PDB file of all heavy atoms in Angstrom:
ATOM      1  N   SER A   1       0.786  -1.294  -0.108  1.00  0.00           N
ATOM      2  CA  SER A   1      -0.020   0.025  -0.074  1.00  0.00           C
ATOM      3  C   SER A   1       0.857   1.273   0.085  1.00  0.00           C
ATOM      4  O   SER A   1       1.967   1.119   0.333  1.00  0.00           O
ATOM      5  CB  SER A   1      -0.977  -0.007   1.247  1.00  0.00           C
ATOM      6  OG  SER A   1      -0.056   0.109   2.375  1.00  0.00           O
ATOM      7  N   LYS A   2       0.325   2.330  -0.395  1.00  0.00           N
ATOM      8  CA  LYS A   2       1.100   3.549  -0.395  1.00  0.00           C
ATOM      9  C   LYS A   2       1.622   3.923   0.849  1.00  0.00           C
ATOM     10  O   LYS A   2       2.711   4.465   1.082  1.00  0.00           O
ATOM     11  CB  LYS A   2       0.210   4.801  -0.897  1.00  0.00           C
ATOM     12  CG  LYS A   2      -0.137   4.657  -2.346  1.00  0.00           C
ATOM     13  CD  LYS A   2      -0.856   5.799  -2.903  1.00  0.00           C
ATOM     14  CE  LYS A   2      -1.169   5.611  -4.393  1.00  0.00           C
ATOM     15  NZ  LYS A   2      -2.124   6.755  -4.903  1.00  0.00           N
ATOM     16  N   GLU A   3       0.770   3.667   2.030  1.00  0.00           N
ATOM     17  CA  GLU A   3       1.235   4.013   3.338  1.00  0.00           C
ATOM     18  C   GLU A   3       2.399   3.042   3.836  1.00  0.00           C
ATOM     19  O   GLU A   3       3.324   3.625   4.389  1.00  0.00           O
ATOM     20  CB  GLU A   3       0.119   3.756   4.267  1.00  0.00           C
ATOM     21  CG  GLU A   3      -1.138   4.666   4.135  1.00  0.00           C
ATOM     22  CD  GLU A   3      -2.079   4.190   3.006  1.00  0.00           C
ATOM     23  OE1 GLU A   3      -1.967   2.949   2.497  1.00  0.00           O
ATOM     24  OE2 GLU A   3      -2.826   5.028   2.567  1.00  0.00           O
ATOM     25  N   LEU A   4       2.385   1.796   3.488  1.00  0.00           N
ATOM     26  CA  LEU A   4       3.381   0.862   3.963  1.00  0.00           C
ATOM     27  C   LEU A   4       4.647   1.312   3.133  1.00  0.00           C
ATOM     28  O   LEU A   4       5.770   1.264   3.749  1.00  0.00           O
ATOM     29  CB  LEU A   4       3.042  -0.509   3.659  1.00  0.00           C
ATOM     30  CG  LEU A   4       3.968  -1.560   4.250  1.00  0.00           C
ATOM     31  CD1 LEU A   4       4.231  -1.313   5.604  1.00  0.00           C
ATOM     32  CD2 LEU A   4       3.420  -2.996   3.901  1.00  0.00           C
ATOM     33  N   PHE A   5       4.458   1.549   1.804  1.00  0.00           N
ATOM     34  CA  PHE A   5       5.614   1.765   0.944  1.00  0.00           C
ATOM     35  C   PHE A   5       6.343   3.181   1.495  1.00  0.00           C
ATOM     36  O   PHE A   5       7.561   3.222   1.601  1.00  0.00           O
ATOM     37  CB  PHE A   5       5.438   1.944  -0.361  1.00  0.00           C
ATOM     38  CG  PHE A   5       6.488   2.000  -1.284  1.00  0.00           C
ATOM     39  CD1 PHE A   5       7.466   0.939  -1.483  1.00  0.00           C
ATOM     40  CD2 PHE A   5       6.812   3.064  -2.140  1.00  0.00           C
ATOM     41  CE1 PHE A   5       8.517   1.113  -2.188  1.00  0.00           C
ATOM     42  CE2 PHE A   5       7.831   3.268  -2.950  1.00  0.00           C
ATOM     43  CZ  PHE A   5       8.750   2.217  -3.066  1.00  0.00           C
ATOM     44  N   GLN A   6       5.618   4.023   1.951  1.00  0.00           N
ATOM     45  CA  GLN A   6       6.061   5.402   2.409  1.00  0.00           C
ATOM     46  C   GLN A   6       6.976   5.039   3.747  1.00  0.00           C
ATOM     47  O   GLN A   6       8.006   5.586   3.855  1.00  0.00           O
ATOM     48  CB  GLN A   6       5.035   6.242   2.719  1.00  0.00           C
ATOM     49  CG  GLN A   6       5.526   7.780   3.063  1.00  0.00           C
ATOM     50  CD  GLN A   6       6.384   8.330   2.034  1.00  0.00           C
ATOM     51  OE1 GLN A   6       6.016   8.236   0.757  1.00  0.00           O
ATOM     52  NE2 GLN A   6       7.621   8.700   2.219  1.00  0.00           N
ATOM     53  N   ARG A   7       6.435   4.097   4.597  1.00  0.00           N
ATOM     54  CA  ARG A   7       7.320   3.764   5.706  1.00  0.00           C
ATOM     55  C   ARG A   7       8.611   3.191   5.351  1.00  0.00           C
ATOM     56  O   ARG A   7       9.600   3.455   6.056  1.00  0.00           O
ATOM     57  CB  ARG A   7       6.463   2.744   6.611  1.00  0.00           C
ATOM     58  CG  ARG A   7       5.459   3.359   7.524  1.00  0.00           C
ATOM     59  CD  ARG A   7       4.897   2.387   8.527  1.00  0.00           C
ATOM     60  NE  ARG A   7       5.899   2.083   9.446  1.00  0.00           N
ATOM     61  CZ  ARG A   7       6.098   0.879  10.101  1.00  0.00           C
ATOM     62  NH1 ARG A   7       5.286  -0.079   9.799  1.00  0.00           N
ATOM     63  NH2 ARG A   7       7.047   0.667  10.937  1.00  0.00           N
ATOM     64  N   TYR A   8       8.490   2.357   4.330  1.00  0.00           N
ATOM     65  CA  TYR A   8       9.649   1.681   3.814  1.00  0.00           C
ATOM     66  C   TYR A   8      10.772   2.811   3.365  1.00  0.00           C
ATOM     67  O   TYR A   8      11.825   2.753   3.726  1.00  0.00           O
ATOM     68  CB  TYR A   8       9.208   0.800   2.642  1.00  0.00           C
ATOM     69  CG  TYR A   8      10.385   0.099   1.729  1.00  0.00           C
ATOM     70  CD1 TYR A   8      10.916  -1.066   2.030  1.00  0.00           C
ATOM     71  CD2 TYR A   8      10.887   0.817   0.697  1.00  0.00           C
ATOM     72  CE1 TYR A   8      11.758  -1.688   1.264  1.00  0.00           C
ATOM     73  CE2 TYR A   8      11.797   0.216  -0.216  1.00  0.00           C
ATOM     74  CZ  TYR A   8      12.272  -1.048   0.093  1.00  0.00           C
ATOM     75  OH  TYR A   8      13.196  -1.494  -0.780  1.00  0.00           O
ATOM     76  N   ARG A   9      10.289   3.637   2.598  1.00  0.00           N
ATOM     77  CA  ARG A   9      11.023   4.783   2.093  1.00  0.00           C
ATOM     78  C   ARG A   9      11.643   5.682   3.068  1.00  0.00           C
ATOM     79  O   ARG A   9      12.805   6.129   3.161  1.00  0.00           O
ATOM     80  CB  ARG A   9      10.386   5.530   0.950  1.00  0.00           C
ATOM     81  CG  ARG A   9      10.222   4.765  -0.257  1.00  0.00           C
ATOM     82  CD  ARG A   9       9.593   5.472  -1.407  1.00  0.00           C
ATOM     83  NE  ARG A   9      10.499   6.513  -1.796  1.00  0.00           N
ATOM     84  CZ  ARG A   9      11.513   6.531  -2.481  1.00  0.00           C
ATOM     85  NH1 ARG A   9      12.050   5.388  -3.046  1.00  0.00           N
ATOM     86  NH2 ARG A   9      12.249   7.675  -2.837  1.00  0.00           N
ATOM     87  N   ASN A  10      10.821   6.027   4.026  1.00  0.00           N
ATOM     88  CA  ASN A  10      11.175   6.948   5.171  1.00  0.00           C
ATOM     89  C   ASN A  10      12.320   6.233   6.105  1.00  0.00           C
ATOM     90  O   ASN A  10      13.199   6.892   6.382  1.00  0.00           O
ATOM     91  CB  ASN A  10       9.954   7.287   6.048  1.00  0.00           C
ATOM     92  CG  ASN A  10       8.885   8.205   5.352  1.00  0.00           C
ATOM     93  OD1 ASN A  10       9.413   8.868   4.406  1.00  0.00           O
ATOM     94  ND2 ASN A  10       7.793   8.314   5.912  1.00  0.00           N
ATOM     95  N   ALA A  11      12.016   5.068   6.409  1.00  0.00           N
ATOM     96  CA  ALA A  11      13.029   4.278   7.184  1.00  0.00           C
ATOM     97  C   ALA A  11      14.311   4.157   6.329  1.00  0.00           C
ATOM     98  O   ALA A  11      15.415   4.400   6.907  1.00  0.00           O
ATOM     99  CB  ALA A  11      12.569   2.867   7.531  1.00  0.00           C
ATOM    100  N   PHE A  12      14.306   3.911   5.081  1.00  0.00           N
ATOM    101  CA  PHE A  12      15.571   3.888   4.247  1.00  0.00           C
ATOM    102  C   PHE A  12      16.311   5.175   4.264  1.00  0.00           C
ATOM    103  O   PHE A  12      17.438   5.255   4.485  1.00  0.00           O
ATOM    104  CB  PHE A  12      15.146   3.429   2.784  1.00  0.00           C
ATOM    105  CG  PHE A  12      16.213   3.314   1.919  1.00  0.00           C
ATOM    106  CD1 PHE A  12      17.087   2.136   2.079  1.00  0.00           C
ATOM    107  CD2 PHE A  12      16.798   4.140   1.156  1.00  0.00           C
ATOM    108  CE1 PHE A  12      18.169   1.876   1.112  1.00  0.00           C
ATOM    109  CE2 PHE A  12      17.981   4.063   0.418  1.00  0.00           C
ATOM    110  CZ  PHE A  12      18.536   2.949   0.329  1.00  0.00           C
ATOM    111  N   HIS A  13      15.592   6.270   3.997  1.00  0.00           N
ATOM    112  CA  HIS A  13      16.242   7.466   3.836  1.00  0.00           C
ATOM    113  C   HIS A  13      16.629   8.115   5.334  1.00  0.00           C
ATOM    114  O   HIS A  13      17.582   8.930   5.321  1.00  0.00           O
ATOM    115  CB  HIS A  13      15.337   8.544   3.230  1.00  0.00           C
ATOM    116  CG  HIS A  13      15.124   8.161   1.787  1.00  0.00           C
ATOM    117  ND1 HIS A  13      16.134   8.311   0.871  1.00  0.00           N
ATOM    118  CD2 HIS A  13      14.074   7.890   1.098  1.00  0.00           C
ATOM    119  CE1 HIS A  13      15.682   7.911  -0.326  1.00  0.00           C
ATOM    120  NE2 HIS A  13      14.493   7.690  -0.229  1.00  0.00           N
ATOM    121  N   ALA A  14      16.114   7.608   6.395  1.00  0.00           N
ATOM    122  CA  ALA A  14      16.586   7.951   7.720  1.00  0.00           C
ATOM    123  C   ALA A  14      17.690   7.097   8.213  1.00  0.00           C
ATOM    124  O   ALA A  14      18.138   7.347   9.391  1.00  0.00           O
ATOM    125  CB  ALA A  14      15.348   7.956   8.707  1.00  0.00           C
ATOM    126  N   GLY A  15      18.054   6.146   7.410  1.00  0.00           N
ATOM    127  CA  GLY A  15      19.087   5.209   7.893  1.00  0.00           C
ATOM    128  C   GLY A  15      18.575   4.216   8.905  1.00  0.00           C
ATOM    129  O   GLY A  15      19.472   3.593   9.623  1.00  0.00           O
ATOM    130  N   GLN A  16      17.430   4.022   9.046  1.00  0.00           N
ATOM    131  CA  GLN A  16      16.812   3.079  10.014  1.00  0.00           C
ATOM    132  C   GLN A  16      16.413   1.704   9.366  1.00  0.00           C
ATOM    133  O   GLN A  16      15.923   0.946  10.024  1.00  0.00           O
ATOM    134  CB  GLN A  16      15.587   3.718  10.778  1.00  0.00           C
ATOM    135  CG  GLN A  16      15.966   4.920  11.526  1.00  0.00           C
ATOM    136  CD  GLN A  16      14.752   5.753  11.810  1.00  0.00           C
ATOM    137  OE1 GLN A  16      13.621   5.505  11.432  1.00  0.00           O
ATOM    138  NE2 GLN A  16      14.936   6.749  12.697  1.00  0.00           N
ATOM    139  N   PHE A  17      16.607   1.639   8.053  1.00  0.00           N
ATOM    140  CA  PHE A  17      16.109   0.510   7.356  1.00  0.00           C
ATOM    141  C   PHE A  17      17.141  -0.519   7.359  1.00  0.00           C
ATOM    142  O   PHE A  17      18.197  -0.308   6.729  1.00  0.00           O
ATOM    143  CB  PHE A  17      15.794   0.871   5.929  1.00  0.00           C
ATOM    144  CG  PHE A  17      15.075  -0.255   5.196  1.00  0.00           C
ATOM    145  CD1 PHE A  17      13.761  -0.392   5.267  1.00  0.00           C
ATOM    146  CD2 PHE A  17      15.747  -1.076   4.332  1.00  0.00           C
ATOM    147  CE1 PHE A  17      13.190  -1.351   4.512  1.00  0.00           C
ATOM    148  CE2 PHE A  17      15.324  -2.095   3.653  1.00  0.00           C
ATOM    149  CZ  PHE A  17      13.893  -2.190   3.727  1.00  0.00           C
ATOM    150  N   ASP A  18      16.948  -1.677   8.052  1.00  0.00           N
ATOM    151  CA  ASP A  18      17.873  -2.684   8.110  1.00  0.00           C
ATOM    152  C   ASP A  18      17.124  -4.000   8.088  1.00  0.00           C
ATOM    153  O   ASP A  18      16.023  -4.065   8.067  1.00  0.00           O
ATOM    154  CB  ASP A  18      18.875  -2.514   9.335  1.00  0.00           C
ATOM    155  CG  ASP A  18      18.168  -2.566  10.600  1.00  0.00           C
ATOM    156  OD1 ASP A  18      16.969  -2.959  10.649  1.00  0.00           O
ATOM    157  OD2 ASP A  18      18.703  -2.218  11.673  1.00  0.00           O
ATOM    158  N   SER A  19      17.913  -5.154   8.224  1.00  0.00           N
ATOM    159  CA  SER A  19      17.263  -6.390   8.098  1.00  0.00           C
ATOM    160  C   SER A  19      16.284  -6.743   9.303  1.00  0.00           C
ATOM    161  O   SER A  19      15.246  -7.426   9.192  1.00  0.00           O
ATOM    162  CB  SER A  19      18.264  -7.575   8.008  1.00  0.00           C
ATOM    163  OG  SER A  19      19.183  -7.478   9.134  1.00  0.00           O
ATOM    164  N   ILE A  20      16.634  -6.077  10.464  1.00  0.00           N
ATOM    165  CA  ILE A  20      15.774  -6.280  11.641  1.00  0.00           C
ATOM    166  C   ILE A  20      14.479  -5.625  11.454  1.00  0.00           C
ATOM    167  O   ILE A  20      13.333  -6.163  11.635  1.00  0.00           O
ATOM    168  CB  ILE A  20      16.400  -5.820  12.874  1.00  0.00           C
ATOM    169  CG1 ILE A  20      17.651  -6.801  13.183  1.00  0.00           C
ATOM    170  CG2 ILE A  20      15.531  -5.830  14.039  1.00  0.00           C
ATOM    171  CD1 ILE A  20      18.652  -6.169  14.279  1.00  0.00           C
ATOM    172  N   PHE A  21      14.475  -4.237  11.020  1.00  0.00           N
ATOM    173  CA  PHE A  21      13.265  -3.509  10.712  1.00  0.00           C
ATOM    174  C   PHE A  21      12.510  -4.329   9.629  1.00  0.00           C
ATOM    175  O   PHE A  21      11.259  -4.442   9.738  1.00  0.00           O
ATOM    176  CB  PHE A  21      13.561  -2.252  10.249  1.00  0.00           C
ATOM    177  CG  PHE A  21      12.439  -1.461   9.742  1.00  0.00           C
ATOM    178  CD1 PHE A  21      11.551  -0.686  10.575  1.00  0.00           C
ATOM    179  CD2 PHE A  21      12.216  -1.369   8.315  1.00  0.00           C
ATOM    180  CE1 PHE A  21      10.424  -0.038   9.974  1.00  0.00           C
ATOM    181  CE2 PHE A  21      11.098  -0.697   7.859  1.00  0.00           C
ATOM    182  CZ  PHE A  21      10.179  -0.026   8.607  1.00  0.00           C
ATOM    183  N   PHE A  22      13.108  -4.771   8.569  1.00  0.00           N
ATOM    184  CA  PHE A  22      12.507  -5.359   7.409  1.00  0.00           C
ATOM    185  C   PHE A  22      11.709  -6.655   7.837  1.00  0.00           C
ATOM    186  O   PHE A  22      10.625  -6.817   7.597  1.00  0.00           O
ATOM    187  CB  PHE A  22      13.456  -5.610   6.265  1.00  0.00           C
ATOM    188  CG  PHE A  22      12.917  -6.035   5.116  1.00  0.00           C
ATOM    189  CD1 PHE A  22      12.166  -5.051   4.248  1.00  0.00           C
ATOM    190  CD2 PHE A  22      13.162  -7.412   4.460  1.00  0.00           C
ATOM    191  CE1 PHE A  22      11.653  -5.471   3.005  1.00  0.00           C
ATOM    192  CE2 PHE A  22      12.649  -7.657   3.223  1.00  0.00           C
ATOM    193  CZ  PHE A  22      11.876  -6.769   2.597  1.00  0.00           C
ATOM    194  N   GLN A  23      12.538  -7.515   8.595  1.00  0.00           N
ATOM    195  CA  GLN A  23      11.896  -8.792   8.927  1.00  0.00           C
ATOM    196  C   GLN A  23      10.777  -8.766  10.125  1.00  0.00           C
ATOM    197  O   GLN A  23       9.891  -9.438  10.008  1.00  0.00           O
ATOM    198  CB  GLN A  23      12.982  -9.716   9.423  1.00  0.00           C
ATOM    199  CG  GLN A  23      13.946 -10.245   8.395  1.00  0.00           C
ATOM    200  CD  GLN A  23      15.067 -11.135   8.798  1.00  0.00           C
ATOM    201  OE1 GLN A  23      15.090 -11.501   9.947  1.00  0.00           O
ATOM    202  NE2 GLN A  23      15.929 -11.453   7.902  1.00  0.00           N
ATOM    203  N   ASN A  24      11.032  -7.874  10.985  1.00  0.00           N
ATOM    204  CA  ASN A  24      10.170  -7.701  12.130  1.00  0.00           C
ATOM    205  C   ASN A  24       9.011  -6.905  12.105  1.00  0.00           C
ATOM    206  O   ASN A  24       7.946  -7.012  12.610  1.00  0.00           O
ATOM    207  CB  ASN A  24      11.017  -7.418  13.504  1.00  0.00           C
ATOM    208  CG  ASN A  24      11.973  -8.530  13.693  1.00  0.00           C
ATOM    209  OD1 ASN A  24      11.871  -9.543  13.457  1.00  0.00           O
ATOM    210  ND2 ASN A  24      13.011  -8.104  14.588  1.00  0.00           N
ATOM    211  N   GLU A  25       9.170  -5.855  11.242  1.00  0.00           N
ATOM    212  CA  GLU A  25       8.079  -4.836  11.087  1.00  0.00           C
ATOM    213  C   GLU A  25       7.391  -4.872   9.680  1.00  0.00           C
ATOM    214  O   GLU A  25       6.263  -4.955   9.506  1.00  0.00           O
ATOM    215  CB  GLU A  25       8.461  -3.453  11.508  1.00  0.00           C
ATOM    216  CG  GLU A  25       8.893  -3.252  12.961  1.00  0.00           C
ATOM    217  CD  GLU A  25       9.181  -1.812  13.284  1.00  0.00           C
ATOM    218  OE1 GLU A  25       8.557  -0.951  12.794  1.00  0.00           O
ATOM    219  OE2 GLU A  25      10.101  -1.591  13.956  1.00  0.00           O
ATOM    220  N   TYR A  26       8.446  -4.772   8.742  1.00  0.00           N
ATOM    221  CA  TYR A  26       7.873  -4.563   7.342  1.00  0.00           C
ATOM    222  C   TYR A  26       7.271  -5.812   6.675  1.00  0.00           C
ATOM    223  O   TYR A  26       6.201  -5.819   6.200  1.00  0.00           O
ATOM    224  CB  TYR A  26       8.931  -4.048   6.497  1.00  0.00           C
ATOM    225  CG  TYR A  26       8.449  -3.486   5.150  1.00  0.00           C
ATOM    226  CD1 TYR A  26       7.820  -2.222   5.007  1.00  0.00           C
ATOM    227  CD2 TYR A  26       8.445  -4.246   4.043  1.00  0.00           C
ATOM    228  CE1 TYR A  26       7.399  -1.722   3.855  1.00  0.00           C
ATOM    229  CE2 TYR A  26       8.002  -3.808   2.829  1.00  0.00           C
ATOM    230  CZ  TYR A  26       7.413  -2.475   2.709  1.00  0.00           C
ATOM    231  OH  TYR A  26       6.816  -2.146   1.571  1.00  0.00           O
ATOM    232  N   VAL A  27       7.911  -6.908   6.745  1.00  0.00           N
ATOM    233  CA  VAL A  27       7.578  -8.232   6.150  1.00  0.00           C
ATOM    234  C   VAL A  27       6.139  -8.589   6.684  1.00  0.00           C
ATOM    235  O   VAL A  27       5.251  -8.963   5.837  1.00  0.00           O
ATOM    236  CB  VAL A  27       8.611  -9.239   6.237  1.00  0.00           C
ATOM    237  CG1 VAL A  27       8.033 -10.634   5.827  1.00  0.00           C
ATOM    238  CG2 VAL A  27       9.803  -8.883   5.487  1.00  0.00           C
ATOM    239  N   PRO A  28       5.952  -8.695   7.945  1.00  0.00           N
ATOM    240  CA  PRO A  28       4.593  -9.132   8.446  1.00  0.00           C
ATOM    241  C   PRO A  28       3.469  -8.291   7.966  1.00  0.00           C
ATOM    242  O   PRO A  28       2.400  -8.751   7.654  1.00  0.00           O
ATOM    243  CB  PRO A  28       4.842  -9.015   9.957  1.00  0.00           C
ATOM    244  CG  PRO A  28       6.181  -9.089  10.275  1.00  0.00           C
ATOM    245  CD  PRO A  28       6.919  -8.495   9.112  1.00  0.00           C
ATOM    246  N   GLN A  29       3.636  -6.948   7.927  1.00  0.00           N
ATOM    247  CA  GLN A  29       2.678  -6.107   7.448  1.00  0.00           C
ATOM    248  C   GLN A  29       2.379  -6.229   5.930  1.00  0.00           C
ATOM    249  O   GLN A  29       1.187  -6.319   5.466  1.00  0.00           O
ATOM    250  CB  GLN A  29       2.985  -4.639   7.680  1.00  0.00           C
ATOM    251  CG  GLN A  29       2.898  -4.247   9.163  1.00  0.00           C
ATOM    252  CD  GLN A  29       3.391  -2.746   9.567  1.00  0.00           C
ATOM    253  OE1 GLN A  29       3.669  -2.079   8.636  1.00  0.00           O
ATOM    254  NE2 GLN A  29       3.345  -2.490  10.724  1.00  0.00           N
ATOM    255  N   PHE A  30       3.427  -6.397   5.133  1.00  0.00           N
ATOM    256  CA  PHE A  30       3.310  -6.635   3.646  1.00  0.00           C
ATOM    257  C   PHE A  30       2.549  -7.926   3.479  1.00  0.00           C
ATOM    258  O   PHE A  30       1.641  -7.927   2.610  1.00  0.00           O
ATOM    259  CB  PHE A  30       4.649  -6.484   3.110  1.00  0.00           C
ATOM    260  CG  PHE A  30       4.559  -6.546   1.496  1.00  0.00           C
ATOM    261  CD1 PHE A  30       3.675  -5.716   0.749  1.00  0.00           C
ATOM    262  CD2 PHE A  30       5.423  -7.480   0.823  1.00  0.00           C
ATOM    263  CE1 PHE A  30       3.656  -5.788  -0.548  1.00  0.00           C
ATOM    264  CE2 PHE A  30       5.362  -7.519  -0.553  1.00  0.00           C
ATOM    265  CZ  PHE A  30       4.415  -6.815  -1.197  1.00  0.00           C
ATOM    266  N   ILE A  31       3.015  -8.943   4.101  1.00  0.00           N
ATOM    267  CA  ILE A  31       2.360 -10.325   3.901  1.00  0.00           C
ATOM    268  C   ILE A  31       0.839 -10.133   4.281  1.00  0.00           C
ATOM    269  O   ILE A  31       0.000 -10.694   3.664  1.00  0.00           O
ATOM    270  CB  ILE A  31       3.056 -11.442   4.675  1.00  0.00           C
ATOM    271  CG1 ILE A  31       4.452 -11.702   4.074  1.00  0.00           C
ATOM    272  CG2 ILE A  31       2.260 -12.687   4.700  1.00  0.00           C
ATOM    273  CD1 ILE A  31       5.219 -12.651   4.867  1.00  0.00           C
ATOM    274  N   SER A  32       0.615  -9.553   5.427  1.00  0.00           N
ATOM    275  CA  SER A  32      -0.839  -9.392   5.905  1.00  0.00           C
ATOM    276  C   SER A  32      -1.618  -8.616   4.746  1.00  0.00           C
ATOM    277  O   SER A  32      -2.707  -9.093   4.519  1.00  0.00           O
ATOM    278  CB  SER A  32      -0.806  -8.548   7.114  1.00  0.00           C
ATOM    279  OG  SER A  32      -2.165  -8.409   7.591  1.00  0.00           O
ATOM    280  N   GLU A  33      -1.124  -7.616   4.235  1.00  0.00           N
ATOM    281  CA  GLU A  33      -1.764  -6.945   3.127  1.00  0.00           C
ATOM    282  C   GLU A  33      -2.014  -7.751   1.937  1.00  0.00           C
ATOM    283  O   GLU A  33      -3.271  -7.798   1.453  1.00  0.00           O
ATOM    284  CB  GLU A  33      -0.952  -5.665   2.637  1.00  0.00           C
ATOM    285  CG  GLU A  33      -0.869  -4.485   3.532  1.00  0.00           C
ATOM    286  CD  GLU A  33      -0.237  -3.271   2.931  1.00  0.00           C
ATOM    287  OE1 GLU A  33       0.301  -3.368   1.797  1.00  0.00           O
ATOM    288  OE2 GLU A  33      -0.205  -2.284   3.552  1.00  0.00           O
ATOM    289  N   LEU A  34      -1.048  -8.555   1.482  1.00  0.00           N
ATOM    290  CA  LEU A  34      -1.253  -9.348   0.400  1.00  0.00           C
ATOM    291  C   LEU A  34      -2.253 -10.514   0.597  1.00  0.00           C
ATOM    292  O   LEU A  34      -3.074 -10.699  -0.314  1.00  0.00           O
ATOM    293  CB  LEU A  34       0.028  -9.995  -0.183  1.00  0.00           C
ATOM    294  CG  LEU A  34       1.196  -9.083  -0.668  1.00  0.00           C
ATOM    295  CD1 LEU A  34       2.320  -9.831  -1.009  1.00  0.00           C
ATOM    296  CD2 LEU A  34       0.630  -8.368  -1.866  1.00  0.00           C
ATOM    297  N   LEU A  35      -2.216 -11.089   1.825  1.00  0.00           N
ATOM    298  CA  LEU A  35      -3.149 -12.164   2.030  1.00  0.00           C
ATOM    299  C   LEU A  35      -4.512 -11.680   2.217  1.00  0.00           C
ATOM    300  O   LEU A  35      -5.476 -12.453   1.949  1.00  0.00           O
ATOM    301  CB  LEU A  35      -2.696 -12.869   3.365  1.00  0.00           C
ATOM    302  CG  LEU A  35      -1.390 -13.699   3.439  1.00  0.00           C
ATOM    303  CD1 LEU A  35      -1.030 -14.221   4.562  1.00  0.00           C
ATOM    304  CD2 LEU A  35      -1.406 -14.715   2.205  1.00  0.00           C
ATOM    305  N   LYS A  36      -4.887 -10.370   2.487  1.00  0.00           N
ATOM    306  CA  LYS A  36      -6.104  -9.832   2.609  1.00  0.00           C
ATOM    307  C   LYS A  36      -6.758  -9.404   1.202  1.00  0.00           C
ATOM    308  O   LYS A  36      -7.892  -9.074   1.216  1.00  0.00           O
ATOM    309  CB  LYS A  36      -6.130  -8.638   3.623  1.00  0.00           C
ATOM    310  CG  LYS A  36      -5.928  -9.091   5.100  1.00  0.00           C
ATOM    311  CD  LYS A  36      -5.875  -7.813   5.985  1.00  0.00           C
ATOM    312  CE  LYS A  36      -5.538  -8.273   7.316  1.00  0.00           C
ATOM    313  NZ  LYS A  36      -5.300  -7.117   8.225  1.00  0.00           N
ATOM    314  N   SER A  37      -5.882  -9.323   0.293  1.00  0.00           N
ATOM    315  CA  SER A  37      -6.245  -8.715  -0.994  1.00  0.00           C
ATOM    316  C   SER A  37      -6.625  -9.825  -1.998  1.00  0.00           C
ATOM    317  O   SER A  37      -5.833 -10.793  -2.350  1.00  0.00           O
ATOM    318  CB  SER A  37      -5.124  -7.841  -1.621  1.00  0.00           C
ATOM    319  OG  SER A  37      -5.403  -7.686  -3.032  1.00  0.00           O
ATOM    320  N   GLU A  38      -7.898  -9.793  -2.357  1.00  0.00           N
ATOM    321  CA  GLU A  38      -8.475 -10.905  -3.374  1.00  0.00           C
ATOM    322  C   GLU A  38      -7.670 -10.741  -4.622  1.00  0.00           C
ATOM    323  O   GLU A  38      -7.268 -11.857  -5.242  1.00  0.00           O
ATOM    324  CB  GLU A  38      -9.915 -10.580  -3.532  1.00  0.00           C
ATOM    325  CG  GLU A  38     -10.541 -11.755  -4.419  1.00  0.00           C
ATOM    326  CD  GLU A  38     -12.170 -11.568  -4.467  1.00  0.00           C
ATOM    327  OE1 GLU A  38     -12.773 -11.219  -3.521  1.00  0.00           O
ATOM    328  OE2 GLU A  38     -12.659 -11.921  -5.477  1.00  0.00           O
TER     329      GLU A  38
END
């Protein structure tokens, strides 16, 4: 979603985007979005 992608980009540009953020926060939210979308 635009909101989730904006979080991805904000974290990346703030230097906070790493594998821990990606695996623990981003991936679960993205998977949840996909599984809810017909």
